[in-house]
Every structure is written in C-alpha cells, then in structure tokens.
C-alpha atoms as a PDB file:
ATOM      1  CA  MET A   1      17.235   7.883  15.812  1.00  0.00           C
ATOM      2  CA  THR A   2      16.993  10.363  18.649  1.00  0.00           C
ATOM      3  CA  ASP A   3      13.218  10.647  18.870  1.00  0.00           C
ATOM      4  CA  PRO A   4      12.093   9.312  22.286  1.00  0.00           C
ATOM      5  CA  ARG A   5       8.904   7.775  20.899  1.00  0.00           C
ATOM      6  CA  VAL A   6      10.471   5.189  18.599  1.00  0.00           C
ATOM      7  CA  LEU A   7       9.145   1.629  18.724  1.00  0.00           C
ATOM      8  CA  THR A   8      11.323  -0.936  16.957  1.00  0.00           C
ATOM      9  CA  VAL A   9       9.508  -4.094  15.852  1.00  0.00           C
ATOM     10  CA  ARG A  10      11.231  -7.156  14.423  1.00  0.00           C
ATOM     11  CA  PRO A  11       8.484  -9.809  14.173  1.00  0.00           C
ATOM     12  CA  THR A  12       9.055 -13.498  14.693  1.00  0.00           C
ATOM     13  CA  PRO A  13       7.673 -15.843  12.013  1.00  0.00           C
ATOM     14  CA  ASP A  14       4.691 -16.758  14.199  1.00  0.00           C
ATOM     15  CA  SER A  15       3.679 -13.182  15.033  1.00  0.00           C
ATOM     16  CA  TYR A  16       2.483 -11.901  11.655  1.00  0.00           C
ATOM     17  CA  ALA A  17      -1.159 -11.060  10.973  1.00  0.00           C
ATOM     18  CA  TRP A  18      -2.795 -12.385   7.787  1.00  0.00           C
ATOM     19  CA  THR A  19      -5.946 -10.292   7.970  1.00  0.00           C
ATOM     20  CA  PHE A  20      -7.161  -6.760   8.640  1.00  0.00           C
ATOM     21  CA  GLY A  21      -9.468  -7.061  11.626  1.00  0.00           C
ATOM     22  CA  GLY A  22      -9.684 -10.168  13.735  1.00  0.00           C
ATOM     23  CA  ALA A  23      -6.067 -10.086  14.973  1.00  0.00           C
ATOM     24  CA  ALA A  24      -4.977  -9.012  18.443  1.00  0.00           C
ATOM     25  CA  PRO A  25      -2.714  -5.950  18.566  1.00  0.00           C
ATOM     26  CA  ILE A  26       0.989  -6.626  19.042  1.00  0.00           C
ATOM     27  CA  ALA A  27       1.535  -3.230  20.690  1.00  0.00           C
ATOM     28  CA  ARG A  28      -0.291  -0.130  21.867  1.00  0.00           C
ATOM     29  CA  ILE A  29       1.100   3.192  20.675  1.00  0.00           C
ATOM     30  CA  THR A  30       0.269   6.861  21.190  1.00  0.00           C
ATOM     31  CA  PRO A  31      -0.223   9.300  18.308  1.00  0.00           C
ATOM     32  CA  GLY A  32       3.120  10.655  17.202  1.00  0.00           C
ATOM     33  CA  THR A  33       4.930   7.351  17.670  1.00  0.00           C
ATOM     34  CA  VAL A  34       7.651   6.446  15.188  1.00  0.00           C
ATOM     35  CA  LEU A  35       7.490   2.799  14.133  1.00  0.00           C
ATOM     36  CA  ASP A  36      10.744   1.221  12.925  1.00  0.00           C
ATOM     37  CA  VAL A  37       9.551  -2.111  11.538  1.00  0.00           C
ATOM     38  CA  PHE A  38      10.645  -5.089   9.489  1.00  0.00           C
ATOM     39  CA  THR A  39       8.082  -6.491   7.088  1.00  0.00           C
ATOM     40  CA  GLU A  40       8.420  -9.840   5.323  1.00  0.00           C
ATOM     41  CA  ASP A  41       7.680 -10.226   1.628  1.00  0.00           C
ATOM     42  CA  CYS A  42       4.323 -11.504   0.402  1.00  0.00           C
ATOM     43  CA  PHE A  43       5.663 -15.077   0.343  1.00  0.00           C
ATOM     44  CA  ALA A  44       6.924 -14.854   3.956  1.00  0.00           C
ATOM     45  CA  GLY A  45      10.464 -15.188   2.599  1.00  0.00           C
ATOM     46  CA  ARG A  46       9.874 -18.704   1.304  1.00  0.00           C
ATOM     47  CA  VAL A  47      10.444 -18.105  -2.438  1.00  0.00           C
ATOM     48  CA  THR A  48      14.242 -17.899  -2.589  1.00  0.00           C
ATOM     49  CA  SER A  49      15.169 -19.286  -6.005  1.00  0.00           C
ATOM     50  CA  GLU A  50      13.723 -19.968  -9.441  1.00  0.00           C
ATOM     51  CA  LYS A  51      13.108 -23.549  -8.293  1.00  0.00           C
ATOM     52  CA  THR A  52      10.950 -22.715  -5.243  1.00  0.00           C
ATOM     53  CA  LEU A  53       7.402 -22.423  -6.550  1.00  0.00           C
ATOM     54  CA  VAL A  54       4.752 -20.567  -4.571  1.00  0.00           C
ATOM     55  CA  SER A  55       2.401 -23.547  -4.850  1.00  0.00           C
ATOM     56  CA  GLU A  56       5.002 -25.736  -3.131  1.00  0.00           C
ATOM     57  CA  VAL A  57       6.216 -23.456  -0.340  1.00  0.00           C
ATOM     58  CA  CYS A  58       3.183 -21.273   0.476  1.00  0.00           C
ATOM     59  CA  GLU A  59      -0.259 -22.255   1.697  1.00  0.00           C
ATOM     60  CA  PHE A  60      -3.225 -20.182   0.533  1.00  0.00           C
ATOM     61  CA  PRO A  61      -4.561 -17.942   2.089  1.00  0.00           C
ATOM     62  CA  PHE A  62      -1.407 -17.354   4.144  1.00  0.00           C
ATOM     63  CA  LEU A  63       0.104 -14.728   1.856  1.00  0.00           C
ATOM     64  CA  ASN A  64       0.943 -11.057   2.533  1.00  0.00           C
ATOM     65  CA  PRO A  65       2.060 -11.351   6.179  1.00  0.00           C
ATOM     66  CA  GLN A  66       1.395  -8.093   8.013  1.00  0.00           C
ATOM     67  CA  THR A  67       3.498  -6.484  10.718  1.00  0.00           C
ATOM     68  CA  GLY A  68       0.955  -5.407  13.306  1.00  0.00           C
ATOM     69  CA  PRO A  69      -1.704  -4.607  14.116  1.00  0.00           C
ATOM     70  CA  PHE A  70      -0.911  -1.594  16.291  1.00  0.00           C
ATOM     71  CA  PHE A  71      -3.570  -0.208  18.628  1.00  0.00           C
ATOM     72  CA  VAL A  72      -3.445   3.600  18.460  1.00  0.00           C
ATOM     73  CA  GLU A  73      -4.510   5.160  21.744  1.00  0.00           C
ATOM     74  CA  GLY A  74      -7.390   7.603  21.363  1.00  0.00           C
ATOM     75  CA  ALA A  75      -8.356   6.501  17.855  1.00  0.00           C
ATOM     76  CA  GLU A  76     -12.146   6.293  17.546  1.00  0.00           C
ATOM     77  CA  VAL A  77     -14.649   5.630  14.788  1.00  0.00           C
ATOM     78  CA  GLY A  78     -14.852   8.735  12.588  1.00  0.00           C
ATOM     79  CA  ASP A  79     -11.229   9.796  13.127  1.00  0.00           C
ATOM     80  CA  THR A  80      -8.440   9.587  10.558  1.00  0.00           C
ATOM     81  CA  LEU A  81      -5.138   7.817  11.030  1.00  0.00           C
ATOM     82  CA  ALA A  82      -2.205   9.486   9.262  1.00  0.00           C
ATOM     83  CA  VAL A  83       0.767   7.274   8.415  1.00  0.00           C
ATOM     84  CA  HIS A  84       3.819   9.107   7.097  1.00  0.00           C
ATOM     85  CA  PHE A  85       6.479   7.006   5.356  1.00  0.00           C
ATOM     86  CA  VAL A  86       9.872   8.285   6.489  1.00  0.00           C
ATOM     87  CA  SER A  87      11.843   5.548   4.732  1.00  0.00           C
ATOM     88  CA  VAL A  88      11.130   2.314   2.876  1.00  0.00           C
ATOM     89  CA  GLU A  89      14.292   0.265   2.298  1.00  0.00           C
ATOM     90  CA  PRO A  90      14.739  -3.298   0.960  1.00  0.00           C
ATOM     91  CA  ALA A  91      16.090  -5.573   3.674  1.00  0.00           C
ATOM     92  CA  ARG A  92      17.795  -8.014   1.277  1.00  0.00           C
ATOM     93  CA  ASP A  93      19.855  -7.920  -1.917  1.00  0.00           C
ATOM     94  CA  TRP A  94      17.277  -9.933  -3.833  1.00  0.00           C
ATOM     95  CA  ALA A  95      13.558 -10.016  -4.493  1.00  0.00           C
ATOM     96  CA  ALA A  96      11.179 -12.551  -6.024  1.00  0.00           C
ATOM     97  CA  SER A  97       8.455 -12.298  -8.633  1.00  0.00           C
ATOM     98  CA  THR A  98       6.351 -15.021 -10.171  1.00  0.00           C
ATOM     99  CA  THR A  99       3.336 -15.947 -12.193  1.00  0.00           C
ATOM    100  CA  VAL A 100       0.634 -17.729 -10.227  1.00  0.00           C
ATOM    101  CA  PRO A 101      -1.815 -20.054 -12.007  1.00  0.00           C
ATOM    102  CA  LEU A 102      -5.304 -18.527 -12.316  1.00  0.00           C
ATOM    103  CA  PHE A 103      -4.088 -15.158 -11.005  1.00  0.00           C
ATOM    104  CA  GLY A 104      -3.221 -11.962 -12.872  1.00  0.00           C
ATOM    105  CA  ALA A 105      -4.650  -9.657 -15.513  1.00  0.00           C
ATOM    106  CA  LEU A 106      -3.700 -11.632 -18.649  1.00  0.00           C
ATOM    107  CA  THR A 107      -4.846 -15.135 -17.751  1.00  0.00           C
ATOM    108  CA  SER A 108      -7.946 -17.108 -16.875  1.00  0.00           C
ATOM    109  CA  THR A 109      -8.903 -16.622 -13.218  1.00  0.00           C
ATOM    110  CA  HIS A 110     -11.319 -18.174 -10.773  1.00  0.00           C
ATOM    111  CA  THR A 111     -13.811 -15.374 -11.485  1.00  0.00           C
ATOM    112  CA  THR A 112     -13.146 -15.223 -15.234  1.00  0.00           C
ATOM    113  CA  ALA A 113     -13.287 -18.902 -16.046  1.00  0.00           C
ATOM    114  CA  THR A 114     -12.243 -20.090 -19.511  1.00  0.00           C
ATOM    115  CA  LEU A 115     -11.339 -23.438 -21.040  1.00  0.00           C
ATOM    116  CA  GLN A 116      -7.682 -22.523 -21.567  1.00  0.00           C
ATOM    117  CA  PRO A 117      -5.172 -24.087 -19.174  1.00  0.00           C
ATOM    118  CA  PRO A 118      -3.585 -21.783 -16.570  1.00  0.00           C
ATOM    119  CA  LEU A 119      -0.364 -20.000 -17.446  1.00  0.00           C
ATOM    120  CA  PRO A 120       2.735 -21.830 -16.165  1.00  0.00           C
ATOM    121  CA  GLU A 121       4.062 -21.066 -12.700  1.00  0.00           C
ATOM    122  CA  THR A 122       7.412 -19.354 -13.237  1.00  0.00           C
ATOM    123  CA  VAL A 123       9.720 -17.573 -10.774  1.00  0.00           C
ATOM    124  CA  TRP A 124      12.118 -14.707 -11.465  1.00  0.00           C
ATOM    125  CA  ILE A 125      14.705 -13.667  -8.874  1.00  0.00           C
ATOM    126  CA  TRP A 126      15.636  -9.993  -9.143  1.00  0.00           C
ATOM    127  CA  GLN A 127      19.010  -8.824  -7.838  1.00  0.00           C
ATOM    128  CA  LEU A 128      18.821  -5.547  -5.919  1.00  0.00           C
ATOM    129  CA  ASP A 129      21.728  -3.124  -5.813  1.00  0.00           C
ATOM    130  CA  ARG A 130      20.833  -1.084  -2.774  1.00  0.00           C
ATOM    131  CA  GLU A 131      23.761   1.283  -3.205  1.00  0.00           C
ATOM    132  CA  ARG A 132      23.083   2.040  -6.884  1.00  0.00           C
ATOM    133  CA  ARG A 133      19.283   1.838  -6.334  1.00  0.00           C
ATOM    134  CA  THR A 134      18.620  -0.609  -9.153  1.00  0.00           C
ATOM    135  CA  CYS A 135      16.672  -3.833  -9.736  1.00  0.00           C
ATOM    136  CA  LEU A 136      18.214  -6.303 -12.195  1.00  0.00           C
ATOM    137  CA  PHE A 137      15.875  -8.331 -14.414  1.00  0.00           C
ATOM    138  CA  SER A 138      17.315 -11.593 -15.790  1.00  0.00           C
ATOM    139  CA  ALA A 139      15.199 -13.222 -18.494  1.00  0.00           C
ATOM    140  CA  ARG A 140      14.402 -16.921 -18.058  1.00  0.00           C
ATOM    141  CA  ASP A 141      14.353 -17.809 -21.776  1.00  0.00           C
ATOM    142  CA  ASN A 142      17.429 -16.004 -23.129  1.00  0.00           C
ATOM    143  CA  GLY A 143      20.365 -13.902 -21.962  1.00  0.00           C
ATOM    144  CA  ILE A 144      18.573 -10.550 -21.695  1.00  0.00           C
ATOM    145  CA  GLN A 145      19.447  -8.553 -18.573  1.00  0.00           C
ATOM    146  CA  LEU A 146      17.984  -5.110 -17.891  1.00  0.00           C
ATOM    147  CA  GLU A 147      18.132  -2.734 -14.958  1.00  0.00           C
ATOM    148  CA  LEU A 148      15.197  -0.751 -13.660  1.00  0.00           C
ATOM    149  CA  PRO A 149      15.410   2.003 -11.049  1.00  0.00           C
ATOM    150  CA  MET A 150      14.486   0.934  -7.535  1.00  0.00           C
ATOM    151  CA  ASP A 151      11.264   2.556  -6.279  1.00  0.00           C
ATOM    152  CA  PRO A 152      10.437   0.894  -2.931  1.00  0.00           C
ATOM    153  CA  MET A 153       6.810   0.922  -1.788  1.00  0.00           C
ATOM    154  CA  HIS A 154       4.328  -0.951   0.381  1.00  0.00           C
ATOM    155  CA  GLY A 155       1.563  -2.868  -1.341  1.00  0.00           C
ATOM    156  CA  THR A 156      -0.413  -3.381   1.850  1.00  0.00           C
ATOM    157  CA  VAL A 157      -1.271  -0.630   4.354  1.00  0.00           C
ATOM    158  CA  GLY A 158      -4.515  -0.510   6.292  1.00  0.00           C
ATOM    159  CA  VAL A 159      -6.672  -0.584   9.396  1.00  0.00           C
ATOM    160  CA  ALA A 160      -9.404  -2.889  10.638  1.00  0.00           C
ATOM    161  CA  PRO A 161     -12.566  -2.716   8.471  1.00  0.00           C
ATOM    162  CA  ALA A 162     -15.930  -1.475   9.662  1.00  0.00           C
ATOM    163  CA  ASN A 163     -18.966  -3.565  10.674  1.00  0.00           C
ATOM    164  CA  LEU A 164     -17.028  -6.338  12.474  1.00  0.00           C
ATOM    165  CA  GLU A 165     -15.543  -7.501   9.176  1.00  0.00           C
ATOM    166  CA  VAL A 166     -12.290  -9.436   8.892  1.00  0.00           C
ATOM    167  CA  ARG A 167     -10.638  -9.106   5.492  1.00  0.00           C
ATOM    168  CA  SER A 168      -7.807 -11.125   4.022  1.00  0.00           C
ATOM    169  CA  ALA A 169      -4.527  -9.247   3.584  1.00  0.00           C
ATOM    170  CA  LEU A 170      -4.970  -9.968  -0.136  1.00  0.00           C
ATOM    171  CA  VAL A 171      -8.036  -7.686  -0.383  1.00  0.00           C
ATOM    172  CA  PRO A 172      -8.067  -3.894  -0.943  1.00  0.00           C
ATOM    173  CA  ASP A 173     -11.135  -1.911   0.092  1.00  0.00           C
ATOM    174  CA  ALA A 174     -12.206   1.169   2.044  1.00  0.00           C
ATOM    175  CA  HIS A 175     -10.044   0.090   5.005  1.00  0.00           C
ATOM    176  CA  GLY A 176      -6.917   0.101   2.829  1.00  0.00           C
ATOM    177  CA  GLY A 177      -5.337  -3.334   2.690  1.00  0.00           C
ATOM    178  CA  ASN A 178      -3.750  -4.645  -0.488  1.00  0.00           C
ATOM    179  CA  LEU A 179      -3.979  -1.420  -2.499  1.00  0.00           C
ATOM    180  CA  ASP A 180      -0.782  -2.162  -4.460  1.00  0.00           C
ATOM    181  CA  THR A 181      -0.266   1.424  -5.570  1.00  0.00           C
ATOM    182  CA  PRO A 182       3.283   2.609  -6.345  1.00  0.00           C
ATOM    183  CA  GLU A 183       2.254   5.917  -4.761  1.00  0.00           C
ATOM    184  CA  MET A 184       2.786   4.333  -1.284  1.00  0.00           C
ATOM    185  CA  ARG A 185       6.461   5.286  -1.080  1.00  0.00           C
ATOM    186  CA  ALA A 186       8.803   7.236   1.217  1.00  0.00           C
ATOM    187  CA  GLY A 187       7.861  10.889   1.640  1.00  0.00           C
ATOM    188  CA  VAL A 188       4.118  10.211   1.348  1.00  0.00           C
ATOM    189  CA  THR A 189       1.429  10.453   4.012  1.00  0.00           C
ATOM    190  CA  CYS A 190      -1.413   7.913   3.882  1.00  0.00           C
ATOM    191  CA  TYR A 191      -4.758   8.834   5.453  1.00  0.00           C
ATOM    192  CA  LEU A 192      -7.021   5.998   6.635  1.00  0.00           C
ATOM    193  CA  GLY A 193     -10.480   6.305   8.148  1.00  0.00           C
ATOM    194  CA  VAL A 194     -10.752   4.729  11.616  1.00  0.00           C
ATOM    195  CA  ASN A 195     -13.458   2.048  11.797  1.00  0.00           C
ATOM    196  CA  VAL A 196     -12.848   0.501  15.236  1.00  0.00           C
ATOM    197  CA  GLU A 197     -11.413   1.673  18.527  1.00  0.00           C
ATOM    198  CA  GLY A 198      -7.645   1.833  18.257  1.00  0.00           C
ATOM    199  CA  ALA A 199      -7.724   1.673  14.422  1.00  0.00           C
ATOM    200  CA  LEU A 200      -5.576  -1.531  14.412  1.00  0.00           C
ATOM    201  CA  PHE A 201      -3.028  -0.455  11.818  1.00  0.00           C
ATOM    202  CA  SER A 202      -0.837  -2.947   9.921  1.00  0.00           C
ATOM    203  CA  LEU A 203       1.498  -2.906   6.942  1.00  0.00           C
ATOM    204  CA  GLY A 204       3.462  -5.329   4.764  1.00  0.00           C
ATOM    205  CA  ASP A 205       3.889  -6.562   1.178  1.00  0.00           C
ATOM    206  CA  GLY A 206       7.006  -4.586   0.295  1.00  0.00           C
ATOM    207  CA  HIS A 207       7.870  -4.067  -3.377  1.00  0.00           C
ATOM    208  CA  ALA A 208      11.305  -2.968  -4.598  1.00  0.00           C
ATOM    209  CA  ARG A 209       9.315  -1.604  -7.528  1.00  0.00           C
ATOM    210  CA  GLN A 210       6.035  -2.250  -9.342  1.00  0.00           C
ATOM    211  CA  GLY A 211       4.534  -1.150 -12.622  1.00  0.00           C
ATOM    212  CA  GLU A 212       1.119   0.505 -12.561  1.00  0.00           C
ATOM    213  CA  GLY A 213      -1.579  -2.162 -12.714  1.00  0.00           C
ATOM    214  CA  GLU A 214       0.653  -4.953 -11.312  1.00  0.00           C
ATOM    215  CA  THR A 215      -0.324  -6.821 -14.483  1.00  0.00           C
ATOM    216  CA  CYS A 216       0.914 -10.336 -13.697  1.00  0.00           C
ATOM    217  CA  GLY A 217      -0.335  -9.988 -10.107  1.00  0.00           C
ATOM    218  CA  VAL A 218       3.106 -10.009  -8.487  1.00  0.00           C
ATOM    219  CA  ALA A 219       5.589  -7.136  -8.104  1.00  0.00           C
ATOM    220  CA  VAL A 220       9.326  -7.260  -7.292  1.00  0.00           C
ATOM    221  CA  GLU A 221       8.514  -8.648  -3.860  1.00  0.00           C
ATOM    222  CA  CYS A 222      10.964  -8.073  -1.026  1.00  0.00           C
ATOM    223  CA  ALA A 223      11.322  -7.756   2.722  1.00  0.00           C
ATOM    224  CA  MET A 224      11.497  -4.167   3.959  1.00  0.00           C
ATOM    225  CA  ASN A 225      12.945  -2.105   6.764  1.00  0.00           C
ATOM    226  CA  THR A 226      10.432   0.715   7.052  1.00  0.00           C
ATOM    227  CA  VAL A 227      10.074   3.740   9.306  1.00  0.00           C
ATOM    228  CA  VAL A 228       6.697   5.475   9.644  1.00  0.00           C
ATOM    229  CA  ILE A 229       5.252   8.161  11.884  1.00  0.00           C
ATOM    230  CA  VAL A 230       1.703   7.450  13.046  1.00  0.00           C
ATOM    231  CA  GLU A 231      -0.519  10.438  13.830  1.00  0.00           C
ATOM    232  CA  LEU A 232      -4.210  10.930  14.523  1.00  0.00           C
ATOM    233  CA  LEU A 233      -6.695  13.514  13.228  1.00  0.00           C
ATOM    234  CA  LYS A 234      -9.629  13.675  15.618  1.00  0.00           C
ATOM    235  CA  GLY A 235     -13.110  14.186  14.211  1.00  0.00           C
ATOM    236  CA  VAL A 236     -11.974  14.053  10.584  1.00  0.00           C
ATOM    237  CA  ALA A 237     -13.569  11.334   8.451  1.00  0.00           C
ATOM    238  CA  THR A 238     -11.768   9.736   5.500  1.00  0.00           C
ATOM    239  CA  PRO A 239     -14.131   7.418   3.593  1.00  0.00           C
ATOM    240  CA  TRP A 240     -11.479   5.928   1.271  1.00  0.00           C
ATOM    241  CA  PRO A 241      -7.692   5.747   1.623  1.00  0.00           C
ATOM    242  CA  ARG A 242      -6.037   8.987   0.584  1.00  0.00           C
ATOM    243  CA  LEU A 243      -2.389   9.904   0.109  1.00  0.00           C
ATOM    244  CA  GLU A 244      -0.572  13.198   0.051  1.00  0.00           C
ATOM    245  CA  SER A 245       2.877  13.799  -1.402  1.00  0.00           C
ATOM    246  CA  ASP A 246       4.804  17.031  -1.725  1.00  0.00           C
ATOM    247  CA  THR A 247       3.332  17.486  -5.207  1.00  0.00           C
ATOM    248  CA  HIS A 248      -0.083  15.734  -5.305  1.00  0.00           C
ATOM    249  CA  ILE A 249      -3.190  14.832  -3.379  1.00  0.00           C
ATOM    250  CA  ILE A 250      -4.264  11.290  -4.218  1.00  0.00           C
ATOM    251  CA  SER A 251      -7.494   9.330  -3.763  1.00  0.00           C
ATOM    252  CA  THR A 252      -7.996   5.592  -4.178  1.00  0.00           C
ATOM    253  CA  GLY A 253     -10.976   3.384  -4.957  1.00  0.00           C
ATOM    254  CA  SER A 254     -11.195  -0.398  -4.827  1.00  0.00           C
ATOM    255  CA  ALA A 255     -13.946  -2.507  -6.373  1.00  0.00           C
ATOM    256  CA  ARG A 256     -14.913  -4.781  -9.237  1.00  0.00           C
ATOM    257  CA  PRO A 257     -15.590  -4.026 -12.050  1.00  0.00           C
ATOM    258  CA  LEU A 258     -12.683  -1.696 -12.763  1.00  0.00           C
ATOM    259  CA  GLU A 259     -14.926   1.217 -13.742  1.00  0.00           C
ATOM    260  CA  ASP A 260     -16.423   1.210 -10.244  1.00  0.00           C
ATOM    261  CA  ALA A 261     -12.927   1.468  -8.710  1.00  0.00           C
ATOM    262  CA  PHE A 262     -12.256   4.369 -11.105  1.00  0.00           C
ATOM    263  CA  ARG A 263     -15.519   6.078 -10.132  1.00  0.00           C
ATOM    264  CA  ILE A 264     -14.865   5.712  -6.406  1.00  0.00           C
ATOM    265  CA  ALA A 265     -11.411   7.294  -6.689  1.00  0.00           C
ATOM    266  CA  GLN A 266     -12.644  10.155  -8.868  1.00  0.00           C
ATOM    267  CA  HIS A 267     -15.665  10.781  -6.621  1.00  0.00           C
ATOM    268  CA  ASP A 268     -13.479  10.813  -3.514  1.00  0.00           C
ATOM    269  CA  LEU A 269     -11.130  13.356  -5.078  1.00  0.00           C
ATOM    270  CA  VAL A 270     -14.090  15.582  -5.972  1.00  0.00           C
ATOM    271  CA  GLN A 271     -15.273  15.408  -2.365  1.00  0.00           C
ATOM    272  CA  TRP A 272     -11.769  16.200  -1.121  1.00  0.00           C
ATOM    273  CA  LEU A 273     -11.698  19.411  -3.191  1.00  0.00           C
ATOM    274  CA  VAL A 274     -15.104  20.349  -1.800  1.00  0.00           C
ATOM    275  CA  ARG A 275     -14.057  19.792   1.814  1.00  0.00           C
ATOM    276  CA  ASP A 276     -10.554  21.262   1.882  1.00  0.00           C
ATOM    277  CA  TYR A 277     -10.278  23.574  -1.147  1.00  0.00           C
ATOM    278  CA  GLY A 278     -13.604  25.414  -1.257  1.00  0.00           C
ATOM    279  CA  PHE A 279     -14.949  24.035  -4.544  1.00  0.00           C
ATOM    280  CA  SER A 280     -18.589  23.238  -5.152  1.00  0.00           C
ATOM    281  CA  ALA A 281     -19.150  19.634  -6.226  1.00  0.00           C
ATOM    282  CA  MET A 282     -19.988  20.584  -9.824  1.00  0.00           C
ATOM    283  CA  ASP A 283     -17.020  22.939 -10.149  1.00  0.00           C
ATOM    284  CA  ALA A 284     -14.705  20.261  -8.729  1.00  0.00           C
ATOM    285  CA  TYR A 285     -16.162  17.705 -11.155  1.00  0.00           C
ATOM    286  CA  GLN A 286     -15.462  19.968 -14.131  1.00  0.00           C
ATOM    287  CA  TYR A 287     -12.018  21.063 -12.960  1.00  0.00           C
ATOM    288  CA  LEU A 288     -10.776  17.561 -12.182  1.00  0.00           C
ATOM    289  CA  SER A 289     -12.095  16.276 -15.491  1.00  0.00           C
ATOM    290  CA  GLN A 290      -9.420  18.460 -17.095  1.00  0.00           C
ATOM    291  CA  ALA A 291      -6.660  18.203 -14.481  1.00  0.00           C
ATOM    292  CA  VAL A 292      -6.765  14.714 -12.949  1.00  0.00           C
ATOM    293  CA  GLU A 293      -4.208  11.959 -13.458  1.00  0.00           C
ATOM    294  CA  SER A 294      -5.673   8.436 -13.270  1.00  0.00           C
ATOM    295  CA  PRO A 295      -3.033   5.700 -12.928  1.00  0.00           C
ATOM    296  CA  LEU A 296      -4.028   2.169 -12.032  1.00  0.00           C
ATOM    297  CA  ALA A 297      -2.773   0.493  -8.877  1.00  0.00           C
ATOM    298  CA  ASN A 298      -3.738  -3.141  -9.486  1.00  0.00           C
ATOM    299  CA  VAL A 299      -5.944  -5.010 -11.935  1.00  0.00           C
ATOM    300  CA  CYS A 300      -5.406  -8.445 -10.434  1.00  0.00           C
ATOM    301  CA  ASP A 301      -6.590  -8.595  -6.820  1.00  0.00           C
ATOM    302  CA  THR A 302      -9.959  -9.656  -5.479  1.00  0.00           C
ATOM    303  CA  ASN A 303     -10.844  -5.974  -5.836  1.00  0.00           C
ATOM    304  CA  TYR A 304      -9.143  -3.753  -8.392  1.00  0.00           C
ATOM    305  CA  THR A 305      -7.677  -0.436  -7.235  1.00  0.00           C
ATOM    306  CA  ALA A 306      -7.695   2.808  -9.218  1.00  0.00           C
ATOM    307  CA  VAL A 307      -6.006   6.089  -8.311  1.00  0.00           C
ATOM    308  CA  ALA A 308      -7.052   9.700  -8.918  1.00  0.00           C
ATOM    309  CA  LYS A 309      -4.465  12.415  -8.295  1.00  0.00           C
ATOM    310  CA  VAL A 310      -4.067  16.120  -8.946  1.00  0.00           C
ATOM    311  CA  ARG A 311      -1.096  18.457  -8.628  1.00  0.00           C
ATOM    312  CA  LYS A 312      -1.226  20.697  -5.574  1.00  0.00           C
ATOM    313  CA  SER A 313       0.338  23.510  -7.601  1.00  0.00           C
ATOM    314  CA  TRP A 314      -2.816  23.483  -9.766  1.00  0.00           C
ATOM    315  CA  LEU A 315      -5.124  23.995  -6.769  1.00  0.00           C
ATOM    316  CA  PRO A 316      -5.996  26.993  -4.606  1.00  0.00           C
ATOM    317  CA  SER A 317      -3.832  27.526  -1.562  1.00  0.00           C
ATOM    318  CA  ALA A 318      -5.086  25.286   1.245  1.00  0.00           C
ATOM    319  CA  SER A 319      -3.953  23.029   4.104  1.00  0.00           C
ATOM    320  CA  PRO A 320      -5.550  19.628   3.503  1.00  0.00           C
ATOM    321  CA  HIS A 321      -5.902  17.506   6.618  1.00  0.00           C
ATOM    322  CA  SER A 322      -4.903  20.539   8.729  1.00  0.00           C
ATOM    323  CA  GLY A 323      -1.483  20.747   7.062  1.00  0.00           C
ATOM    324  CA  LEU A 324      -0.406  17.487   8.681  1.00  0.00           C
ATOM    325  CA  HIS A 325       1.659  16.223   5.733  1.00  0.00           C
ATOM    326  CA  ALA A 326       3.978  19.235   5.868  1.00  0.00           C
ATOM    327  CA  GLN A 327       4.371  18.839   9.637  1.00  0.00           C
ATOM    328  CA  LEU A 328       5.220  15.162   9.295  1.00  0.00           C
ATOM    329  CA  ARG A 329       7.682  15.827   6.475  1.00  0.00           C
ATOM    330  CA  GLU A 330       9.494  18.269   8.746  1.00  0.00           C
ATOM    331  CA  ARG A 331       9.587  15.762  11.576  1.00  0.00           C
ATOM    332  CA  ALA A 332      10.793  13.017   9.240  1.00  0.00           C
ATOM    333  CA  THR A 333      13.702  15.202   8.150  1.00  0.00           C
ATOM    334  CA  ALA A 334      14.710  15.667  11.778  1.00  0.00           C
ATOM    335  CA  LEU A 335      14.743  11.882  12.303  1.00  0.00           C
ATOM    336  CA  ARG A 336      17.414  11.234   9.663  1.00  0.00           C
END
C-alpha cells in the first residue's frame, strides 16, 4: 500500500477488547486513516478441530475478541463515523462452526426456558479454498460434502455506546456491535453514530460466510485480514448503524422481540429517505412498503438484528452522507 496514512495492527493475544466502551484505545488515528488489521475469530482461535469444544476451551463471556478500540481524533457526540471496507480476507485455510448449548434460534435458551435438554455441542471444521473462494462443508453423520461460495464479512463492528454504557461484544444495539449481518462485506461503507469523544471504534468476529438469520447462532467463523478506511462526518447524526453499498442503502435495528428490531430498521430507513432524498415521512412510508427488502441479520443474539434495504436505482438522485461512499470507493480502488 502506498497511502501514507496506513496503520498496520497485529494484536497480541492479551491486547483484544471484549466490550464496546470501557476499554482503553490501542491507538489514536486521524480521519482518513487506513487500518490494516488482523482480527481473531469469535473463539480467539481456540476451536481448531471437531474435538475442541467451545465449553472446554473458551470462558464466557470472553468471546468475540475485538481489534481496537481506535480513538478517532476530532470525533464528537453527534458526529458520524464512516468505516469503508476495502478488503475482508480470511487469514487461515479453515474456519470453525458449532452448536452451543442453550444458544441459537432452534433450541431452548436461557430466555426461552423449556424442559427439553439442550442440543448437543457439536463442532464442524470448514475448509476454505482462498484461491477458488469456496467454503467446504463436511457432514458429521455421513459422507456428504458440499461447497458454498465464500462471502467474507465482519459480524462485529461498532463504537462505544452512549450514556457511559459498556456492552459485551456479543450484543448488537444502536452502537453497532454484534450485528451479524452479511451486508458487512468488502465494498460497503458502515455509518456509526458517535456517542463519546473519539468514537472508540472496534471490529472483529470474521465470518467466511453466514446465512441470513445466523440460525444456529454461529457462522463459518474465521480470523481475518481486513483493510478499512475510517472517515468522519461532522455534525451528522446517525441514530442506528447504516450501510451503503454501490447498489443499496441499508438500515439496521436491534432489539427483542424480533418485530421491534424490524420496526427500528424500517423506521430508520424511512427517516433516511426524509433526510437525504426529499421524501415526506408518509410518502417514504408508502414507497418503502412497496420497495424495501427485509433480510434478517441474526435471530440468536441477546438482541436480534433486522435489516431494511432499498435499491439506490429506485430512488431519486441524491448524495447520501455527502456522497462519502463514492469517495471512499474511489480511494479504496487506488489502494489496491
């Protein structure tokens, strides 16, 4: 990389953050900095075979290690941090997935208590072909092997929460955190509202791929080598995490029950059309009711996350967030 403002970060095992908020920054950066970072998988690299169970090698709540936080100079409450994903690349040729007792969408949980015993704890190791861009599934109970296309993403991207809160890296909310949306991939810009001085941005929880909903609670979890550009929009508020791709604008909402997460995401997208596209609230409500796409991010975490997205080609001409996504895309191309 030839960009003079590139910070390369390769964390040591004792330097990860496990929360959003409450952790001291590992570096101070200026807006426009390119971060070239390694992130460990959600198990901190400890689940390496079908015989290494999460319950034996990981200690709750020390899951989802975060690289960061980074203090962004000039970031103040009411601003928006823009994080553009230049590249998201698996750092190993394998990834791990597992069922976790009392965790997931199709089992008893701590909050949905039933008399059935927990599902068994089972590990699958996925082989990653980084040249062919595939993930190989090998069934545990017979000889079935199937390939899925690789679609690397980050499950966890966020800033420090508001109101002096410290949130586990397992929790998604208005600060971002464990959103677990497959939309968080290379080529996308994530917008996060700044809640504290310096924003305190972190990321982690790489997935080689993940289905919408993350049904069992665990994706194809892998370490990542990731490059992002961090920018700052002064005086622009972003109440819930938003994303922008070349084709869509995307809002997120995190809550329980699931319908509240859905409502938050839909409401935020309505407000986005009002602010940046000139709609009235009622016109935006009607238009999005016919045009919106509503995939799920996760239905397993402490809060569920829903997504609301609409094609930019179906909207009036506009420059959301001051056209920053297009500027960052251009700069990302120059970095390669």
